[in-house]
Amino acid sequence: MSDTGARPRVGEHTYGLFGVDWRQVPVETWLGRFITATDVPALPGPSAVSHSAFDPGCARGAGVLA
Protein backbone atom coordinates (compact mmCIF):
# COMPACT_ATOMS: atom_id res chain seq x y z
CA MET A 1 0.00 0.00 0.00
CA SER A 2 1.17 3.49 -0.64
CA ASP A 3 0.23 6.89 0.68
CA THR A 4 -1.88 8.76 -1.91
CA GLY A 5 -1.01 12.11 -0.36
CA ALA A 6 -4.70 12.92 0.14
CA ARG A 7 -5.61 14.23 3.61
CA PRO A 8 -9.42 14.43 3.82
CA ARG A 9 -10.94 16.16 6.83
CA VAL A 10 -14.05 14.85 8.56
CA GLY A 11 -15.20 17.23 11.26
CA GLU A 12 -12.19 17.94 13.46
CA HIS A 13 -10.23 14.89 12.26
CA THR A 14 -7.79 14.58 9.36
CA TYR A 15 -7.19 11.17 7.81
CA GLY A 16 -4.50 9.72 5.55
CA LEU A 17 -5.60 7.83 2.44
CA PHE A 18 -3.72 4.75 1.26
CA GLY A 19 -4.23 2.69 -1.87
CA VAL A 20 -2.91 -0.12 -4.03
CA ASP A 21 -2.19 0.39 -7.72
CA TRP A 22 -3.29 -2.97 -9.13
CA ARG A 23 -1.52 -2.15 -12.41
CA GLN A 24 1.84 -2.34 -10.61
CA VAL A 25 1.11 -5.27 -8.25
CA PRO A 26 -1.32 -7.93 -9.46
CA VAL A 27 -4.02 -8.73 -6.90
CA GLU A 28 -2.91 -12.38 -6.82
CA THR A 29 0.60 -11.37 -5.74
CA TRP A 30 -0.73 -8.97 -3.11
CA LEU A 31 -3.11 -11.58 -1.68
CA GLY A 32 -0.40 -14.24 -1.79
CA ARG A 33 1.56 -12.24 0.77
CA PHE A 34 -1.28 -12.64 3.25
CA ILE A 35 -1.90 -16.30 2.47
CA THR A 36 1.75 -17.25 3.08
CA ALA A 37 2.22 -14.99 6.11
CA THR A 38 2.64 -16.78 9.41
CA ASP A 39 0.06 -16.18 12.10
CA VAL A 40 2.02 -14.61 14.91
CA PRO A 41 -0.13 -12.90 17.53
CA ALA A 42 0.83 -9.48 18.74
CA LEU A 43 2.58 -9.48 22.07
CA PRO A 44 0.58 -7.94 24.91
CA GLY A 45 1.77 -4.65 26.25
CA PRO A 46 1.04 -2.62 29.32
CA SER A 47 -2.42 -1.12 29.51
CA ALA A 48 -2.62 2.66 29.24
CA VAL A 49 -5.63 2.69 31.59
CA SER A 50 -6.29 0.66 34.72
CA HIS A 51 -9.38 -1.56 34.90
CA SER A 52 -10.75 0.54 37.75
CA ALA A 53 -10.65 3.62 35.48
CA PHE A 54 -11.70 1.79 32.30
CA ASP A 55 -14.85 0.03 33.57
CA PRO A 56 -16.76 3.16 34.70
CA GLY A 57 -15.85 4.89 31.45
CA CYS A 58 -17.37 2.01 29.47
CA ALA A 59 -20.51 2.14 31.56
CA ARG A 60 -20.86 5.90 30.93
CA GLY A 61 -20.27 5.40 27.21
CA ALA A 62 -22.86 2.62 27.02
CA GLY A 63 -25.37 4.90 28.72
CA VAL A 64 -24.75 7.60 26.12
CA LEU A 65 -25.28 5.16 23.25
CA ALA A 66 -28.43 3.59 24.73
PDB file of N, CA and C in Angstrom:
ATOM      1  N   MET A   1       0.846  -1.171   0.000  1.00  0.00           N
ATOM      2  CA  MET A   1       0.000   0.000   0.000  1.00  0.00           C
ATOM      3  C   MET A   1       0.891   1.235   0.000  1.00  0.00           C
ATOM      4  N   SER A   2       0.392   2.252  -0.611  1.00  0.00           N
ATOM      5  CA  SER A   2       1.169   3.492  -0.640  1.00  0.00           C
ATOM      6  C   SER A   2       0.279   4.667  -0.264  1.00  0.00           C
ATOM      7  N   ASP A   3       0.916   5.670   0.266  1.00  0.00           N
ATOM      8  CA  ASP A   3       0.228   6.893   0.679  1.00  0.00           C
ATOM      9  C   ASP A   3      -0.145   7.680  -0.570  1.00  0.00           C
ATOM     10  N   THR A   4      -1.438   8.014  -0.729  1.00  0.00           N
ATOM     11  CA  THR A   4      -1.877   8.765  -1.907  1.00  0.00           C
ATOM     12  C   THR A   4      -1.568  10.248  -1.794  1.00  0.00           C
ATOM     13  N   GLY A   5      -1.258  10.689  -0.574  1.00  0.00           N
ATOM     14  CA  GLY A   5      -1.007  12.108  -0.356  1.00  0.00           C
ATOM     15  C   GLY A   5      -2.265  12.878   0.002  1.00  0.00           C
ATOM     16  N   ALA A   6      -3.434  12.257  -0.197  1.00  0.00           N
ATOM     17  CA  ALA A   6      -4.696  12.922   0.142  1.00  0.00           C
ATOM     18  C   ALA A   6      -4.858  12.968   1.660  1.00  0.00           C
ATOM     19  N   ARG A   7      -5.374  14.064   2.182  1.00  0.00           N
ATOM     20  CA  ARG A   7      -5.611  14.225   3.607  1.00  0.00           C
ATOM     21  C   ARG A   7      -7.025  14.782   3.833  1.00  0.00           C
ATOM     22  N   PRO A   8      -8.055  13.937   3.634  1.00  0.00           N
ATOM     23  CA  PRO A   8      -9.421  14.429   3.816  1.00  0.00           C
ATOM     24  C   PRO A   8      -9.704  14.752   5.280  1.00  0.00           C
ATOM     25  N   ARG A   9     -10.507  15.777   5.489  1.00  0.00           N
ATOM     26  CA  ARG A   9     -10.939  16.161   6.834  1.00  0.00           C
ATOM     27  C   ARG A   9     -12.393  15.768   7.009  1.00  0.00           C
ATOM     28  N   VAL A  10     -12.685  15.183   8.175  1.00  0.00           N
ATOM     29  CA  VAL A  10     -14.053  14.852   8.559  1.00  0.00           C
ATOM     30  C   VAL A  10     -14.253  15.461   9.936  1.00  0.00           C
ATOM     31  N   GLY A  11     -15.036  16.525   9.988  1.00  0.00           N
ATOM     32  CA  GLY A  11     -15.200  17.231  11.260  1.00  0.00           C
ATOM     33  C   GLY A  11     -13.859  17.791  11.696  1.00  0.00           C
ATOM     34  N   GLU A  12     -13.453  17.450  12.917  1.00  0.00           N
ATOM     35  CA  GLU A  12     -12.187  17.938  13.465  1.00  0.00           C
ATOM     36  C   GLU A  12     -11.017  17.012  13.156  1.00  0.00           C
ATOM     37  N   HIS A  13     -11.262  15.899  12.478  1.00  0.00           N
ATOM     38  CA  HIS A  13     -10.228  14.886  12.262  1.00  0.00           C
ATOM     39  C   HIS A  13      -9.718  14.903  10.818  1.00  0.00           C
ATOM     40  N   THR A  14      -8.414  14.698  10.668  1.00  0.00           N
ATOM     41  CA  THR A  14      -7.785  14.581   9.362  1.00  0.00           C
ATOM     42  C   THR A  14      -7.290  13.142   9.206  1.00  0.00           C
ATOM     43  N   TYR A  15      -7.544  12.570   8.057  1.00  0.00           N
ATOM     44  CA  TYR A  15      -7.191  11.174   7.805  1.00  0.00           C
ATOM     45  C   TYR A  15      -6.207  11.077   6.652  1.00  0.00           C
ATOM     46  N   GLY A  16      -5.392  10.024   6.661  1.00  0.00           N
ATOM     47  CA  GLY A  16      -4.505   9.716   5.547  1.00  0.00           C
ATOM     48  C   GLY A  16      -5.187   8.683   4.666  1.00  0.00           C
ATOM     49  N   LEU A  17      -4.979   8.760   3.374  1.00  0.00           N
ATOM     50  CA  LEU A  17      -5.603   7.832   2.440  1.00  0.00           C
ATOM     51  C   LEU A  17      -4.522   7.000   1.761  1.00  0.00           C
ATOM     52  N   PHE A  18      -4.677   5.679   1.831  1.00  0.00           N
ATOM     53  CA  PHE A  18      -3.717   4.753   1.257  1.00  0.00           C
ATOM     54  C   PHE A  18      -4.404   3.928   0.173  1.00  0.00           C
ATOM     55  N   GLY A  19      -3.648   3.477  -0.786  1.00  0.00           N
ATOM     56  CA  GLY A  19      -4.233   2.695  -1.867  1.00  0.00           C
ATOM     57  C   GLY A  19      -3.233   1.737  -2.472  1.00  0.00           C
ATOM     58  N   VAL A  20      -3.739   0.845  -3.312  1.00  0.00           N
ATOM     59  CA  VAL A  20      -2.911  -0.118  -4.031  1.00  0.00           C
ATOM     60  C   VAL A  20      -3.156   0.084  -5.527  1.00  0.00           C
ATOM     61  N   ASP A  21      -2.089   0.264  -6.275  1.00  0.00           N
ATOM     62  CA  ASP A  21      -2.193   0.389  -7.722  1.00  0.00           C
ATOM     63  C   ASP A  21      -2.093  -1.019  -8.302  1.00  0.00           C
ATOM     64  N   TRP A  22      -3.248  -1.585  -8.651  1.00  0.00           N
ATOM     65  CA  TRP A  22      -3.292  -2.969  -9.128  1.00  0.00           C
ATOM     66  C   TRP A  22      -2.602  -3.139 -10.472  1.00  0.00           C
ATOM     67  N   ARG A  23      -2.278  -2.050 -11.162  1.00  0.00           N
ATOM     68  CA  ARG A  23      -1.523  -2.152 -12.408  1.00  0.00           C
ATOM     69  C   ARG A  23      -0.067  -2.490 -12.127  1.00  0.00           C
ATOM     70  N   GLN A  24       0.441  -2.094 -10.949  1.00  0.00           N
ATOM     71  CA  GLN A  24       1.835  -2.344 -10.608  1.00  0.00           C
ATOM     72  C   GLN A  24       2.016  -3.664  -9.862  1.00  0.00           C
ATOM     73  N   VAL A  25       1.044  -4.031  -9.031  1.00  0.00           N
ATOM     74  CA  VAL A  25       1.113  -5.273  -8.247  1.00  0.00           C
ATOM     75  C   VAL A  25      -0.174  -6.041  -8.498  1.00  0.00           C
ATOM     76  N   PRO A  26      -0.104  -7.158  -9.206  1.00  0.00           N
ATOM     77  CA  PRO A  26      -1.324  -7.935  -9.455  1.00  0.00           C
ATOM     78  C   PRO A  26      -1.973  -8.370  -8.136  1.00  0.00           C
ATOM     79  N   VAL A  27      -3.292  -8.395  -8.117  1.00  0.00           N
ATOM     80  CA  VAL A  27      -4.018  -8.735  -6.899  1.00  0.00           C
ATOM     81  C   VAL A  27      -3.619 -10.109  -6.376  1.00  0.00           C
ATOM     82  N   GLU A  28      -3.320 -11.050  -7.251  1.00  0.00           N
ATOM     83  CA  GLU A  28      -2.911 -12.383  -6.819  1.00  0.00           C
ATOM     84  C   GLU A  28      -1.615 -12.337  -6.018  1.00  0.00           C
ATOM     85  N   THR A  29      -0.666 -11.517  -6.457  1.00  0.00           N
ATOM     86  CA  THR A  29       0.601 -11.368  -5.743  1.00  0.00           C
ATOM     87  C   THR A  29       0.371 -10.727  -4.380  1.00  0.00           C
ATOM     88  N   TRP A  30      -0.443  -9.690  -4.351  1.00  0.00           N
ATOM     89  CA  TRP A  30      -0.730  -8.973  -3.106  1.00  0.00           C
ATOM     90  C   TRP A  30      -1.421  -9.899  -2.107  1.00  0.00           C
ATOM     91  N   LEU A  31      -2.413 -10.655  -2.564  1.00  0.00           N
ATOM     92  CA  LEU A  31      -3.112 -11.582  -1.676  1.00  0.00           C
ATOM     93  C   LEU A  31      -2.214 -12.738  -1.247  1.00  0.00           C
ATOM     94  N   GLY A  32      -1.314 -13.161  -2.125  1.00  0.00           N
ATOM     95  CA  GLY A  32      -0.405 -14.235  -1.792  1.00  0.00           C
ATOM     96  C   GLY A  32       0.469 -13.917  -0.591  1.00  0.00           C
ATOM     97  N   ARG A  33       0.773 -12.646  -0.389  1.00  0.00           N
ATOM     98  CA  ARG A  33       1.564 -12.239   0.773  1.00  0.00           C
ATOM     99  C   ARG A  33       0.825 -12.548   2.067  1.00  0.00           C
ATOM    100  N   PHE A  34      -0.490 -12.381   2.050  1.00  0.00           N
ATOM    101  CA  PHE A  34      -1.280 -12.640   3.249  1.00  0.00           C
ATOM    102  C   PHE A  34      -1.502 -14.134   3.452  1.00  0.00           C
ATOM    103  N   ILE A  35      -1.658 -14.863   2.370  1.00  0.00           N
ATOM    104  CA  ILE A  35      -1.900 -16.302   2.471  1.00  0.00           C
ATOM    105  C   ILE A  35      -0.678 -17.010   3.037  1.00  0.00           C
ATOM    106  N   THR A  36       0.523 -16.583   2.639  1.00  0.00           N
ATOM    107  CA  THR A  36       1.749 -17.246   3.080  1.00  0.00           C
ATOM    108  C   THR A  36       2.313 -16.667   4.373  1.00  0.00           C
ATOM    109  N   ALA A  37       1.723 -15.596   4.867  1.00  0.00           N
ATOM    110  CA  ALA A  37       2.220 -14.990   6.106  1.00  0.00           C
ATOM    111  C   ALA A  37       1.928 -15.909   7.288  1.00  0.00           C
ATOM    112  N   THR A  38       2.857 -15.960   8.219  1.00  0.00           N
ATOM    113  CA  THR A  38       2.642 -16.778   9.411  1.00  0.00           C
ATOM    114  C   THR A  38       1.744 -16.030  10.387  1.00  0.00           C
ATOM    115  N   ASP A  39       0.943 -16.776  11.106  1.00  0.00           N
ATOM    116  CA  ASP A  39       0.058 -16.176  12.099  1.00  0.00           C
ATOM    117  C   ASP A  39       0.802 -16.048  13.419  1.00  0.00           C
ATOM    118  N   VAL A  40       1.320 -14.875  13.665  1.00  0.00           N
ATOM    119  CA  VAL A  40       2.018 -14.607  14.908  1.00  0.00           C
ATOM    120  C   VAL A  40       1.218 -13.546  15.651  1.00  0.00           C
ATOM    121  N   PRO A  41       0.663 -13.901  16.807  1.00  0.00           N
ATOM    122  CA  PRO A  41      -0.133 -12.903  17.530  1.00  0.00           C
ATOM    123  C   PRO A  41       0.741 -11.770  18.058  1.00  0.00           C
ATOM    124  N   ALA A  42       0.126 -10.625  18.180  1.00  0.00           N
ATOM    125  CA  ALA A  42       0.832  -9.480  18.741  1.00  0.00           C
ATOM    126  C   ALA A  42       1.098  -9.723  20.219  1.00  0.00           C
ATOM    127  N   LEU A  43       2.252  -9.311  20.661  1.00  0.00           N
ATOM    128  CA  LEU A  43       2.583  -9.476  22.072  1.00  0.00           C
ATOM    129  C   LEU A  43       1.805  -8.466  22.908  1.00  0.00           C
ATOM    130  N   PRO A  44       1.304  -8.888  24.059  1.00  0.00           N
ATOM    131  CA  PRO A  44       0.575  -7.944  24.908  1.00  0.00           C
ATOM    132  C   PRO A  44       1.509  -6.902  25.480  1.00  0.00           C
ATOM    133  N   GLY A  45       0.993  -5.731  25.665  1.00  0.00           N
ATOM    134  CA  GLY A  45       1.773  -4.655  26.245  1.00  0.00           C
ATOM    135  C   GLY A  45       1.070  -4.114  27.474  1.00  0.00           C
ATOM    136  N   PRO A  46       1.685  -3.190  28.129  1.00  0.00           N
ATOM    137  CA  PRO A  46       1.041  -2.620  29.317  1.00  0.00           C
ATOM    138  C   PRO A  46      -0.187  -1.815  28.931  1.00  0.00           C
ATOM    139  N   SER A  47      -1.195  -1.872  29.767  1.00  0.00           N
ATOM    140  CA  SER A  47      -2.419  -1.120  29.513  1.00  0.00           C
ATOM    141  C   SER A  47      -2.189   0.351  29.820  1.00  0.00           C
ATOM    142  N   ALA A  48      -2.751   1.216  29.002  1.00  0.00           N
ATOM    143  CA  ALA A  48      -2.621   2.656  29.239  1.00  0.00           C
ATOM    144  C   ALA A  48      -3.575   3.126  30.327  1.00  0.00           C
ATOM    145  N   VAL A  49      -4.611   2.319  30.604  1.00  0.00           N
ATOM    146  CA  VAL A  49      -5.630   2.694  31.588  1.00  0.00           C
ATOM    147  C   VAL A  49      -5.875   1.499  32.498  1.00  0.00           C
ATOM    148  N   SER A  50      -6.005   1.744  33.785  1.00  0.00           N
ATOM    149  CA  SER A  50      -6.289   0.662  34.723  1.00  0.00           C
ATOM    150  C   SER A  50      -7.728   0.194  34.558  1.00  0.00           C
ATOM    151  N   HIS A  51      -8.012  -1.044  34.968  1.00  0.00           N
ATOM    152  CA  HIS A  51      -9.380  -1.564  34.899  1.00  0.00           C
ATOM    153  C   HIS A  51     -10.331  -0.728  35.739  1.00  0.00           C
ATOM    154  N   SER A  52      -9.868  -0.251  36.883  1.00  0.00           N
ATOM    155  CA  SER A  52     -10.746   0.543  37.755  1.00  0.00           C
ATOM    156  C   SER A  52     -11.148   1.863  37.097  1.00  0.00           C
ATOM    157  N   ALA A  53     -10.310   2.399  36.208  1.00  0.00           N
ATOM    158  CA  ALA A  53     -10.650   3.621  35.477  1.00  0.00           C
ATOM    159  C   ALA A  53     -11.407   3.306  34.192  1.00  0.00           C
ATOM    160  N   PHE A  54     -11.107   2.158  33.590  1.00  0.00           N
ATOM    161  CA  PHE A  54     -11.699   1.793  32.303  1.00  0.00           C
ATOM    162  C   PHE A  54     -13.168   1.397  32.435  1.00  0.00           C
ATOM    163  N   ASP A  55     -13.488   0.552  33.425  1.00  0.00           N
ATOM    164  CA  ASP A  55     -14.849   0.033  33.567  1.00  0.00           C
ATOM    165  C   ASP A  55     -15.915   1.117  33.719  1.00  0.00           C
ATOM    166  N   PRO A  56     -15.737   2.109  34.601  1.00  0.00           N
ATOM    167  CA  PRO A  56     -16.761   3.159  34.703  1.00  0.00           C
ATOM    168  C   PRO A  56     -16.903   3.977  33.408  1.00  0.00           C
ATOM    169  N   GLY A  57     -15.792   4.161  32.713  1.00  0.00           N
ATOM    170  CA  GLY A  57     -15.846   4.894  31.446  1.00  0.00           C
ATOM    171  C   GLY A  57     -16.695   4.152  30.420  1.00  0.00           C
ATOM    172  N   CYS A  58     -16.556   2.822  30.380  1.00  0.00           N
ATOM    173  CA  CYS A  58     -17.368   2.007  29.465  1.00  0.00           C
ATOM    174  C   CYS A  58     -18.838   2.108  29.835  1.00  0.00           C
ATOM    175  N   ALA A  59     -19.126   2.063  31.113  1.00  0.00           N
ATOM    176  CA  ALA A  59     -20.512   2.144  31.559  1.00  0.00           C
ATOM    177  C   ALA A  59     -21.120   3.493  31.169  1.00  0.00           C
ATOM    178  N   ARG A  60     -20.354   4.569  31.321  1.00  0.00           N
ATOM    179  CA  ARG A  60     -20.865   5.904  30.934  1.00  0.00           C
ATOM    180  C   ARG A  60     -21.082   5.958  29.421  1.00  0.00           C
ATOM    181  N   GLY A  61     -20.142   5.406  28.666  1.00  0.00           N
ATOM    182  CA  GLY A  61     -20.268   5.404  27.213  1.00  0.00           C
ATOM    183  C   GLY A  61     -21.474   4.588  26.749  1.00  0.00           C
ATOM    184  N   ALA A  62     -21.699   3.453  27.390  1.00  0.00           N
ATOM    185  CA  ALA A  62     -22.856   2.622  27.023  1.00  0.00           C
ATOM    186  C   ALA A  62     -24.151   3.352  27.325  1.00  0.00           C
ATOM    187  N   GLY A  63     -24.172   4.125  28.386  1.00  0.00           N
ATOM    188  CA  GLY A  63     -25.372   4.900  28.720  1.00  0.00           C
ATOM    189  C   GLY A  63     -25.650   5.979  27.693  1.00  0.00           C
ATOM    190  N   VAL A  64     -24.590   6.564  27.143  1.00  0.00           N
ATOM    191  CA  VAL A  64     -24.751   7.597  26.119  1.00  0.00           C
ATOM    192  C   VAL A  64     -25.297   7.003  24.836  1.00  0.00           C
ATOM    193  N   LEU A  65     -24.853   5.796  24.496  1.00  0.00           N
ATOM    194  CA  LEU A  65     -25.282   5.161  23.249  1.00  0.00           C
ATOM    195  C   LEU A  65     -26.662   4.536  23.351  1.00  0.00           C
ATOM    196  N   ALA A  66     -27.133   4.273  24.562  1.00  0.00           N
ATOM    197  CA  ALA A  66     -28.427   3.592  24.730  1.00  0.00           C
ATOM    198  C   ALA A  66     -29.579   4.512  24.401  1.00  0.00           C
TER     199      ALA A  66
END
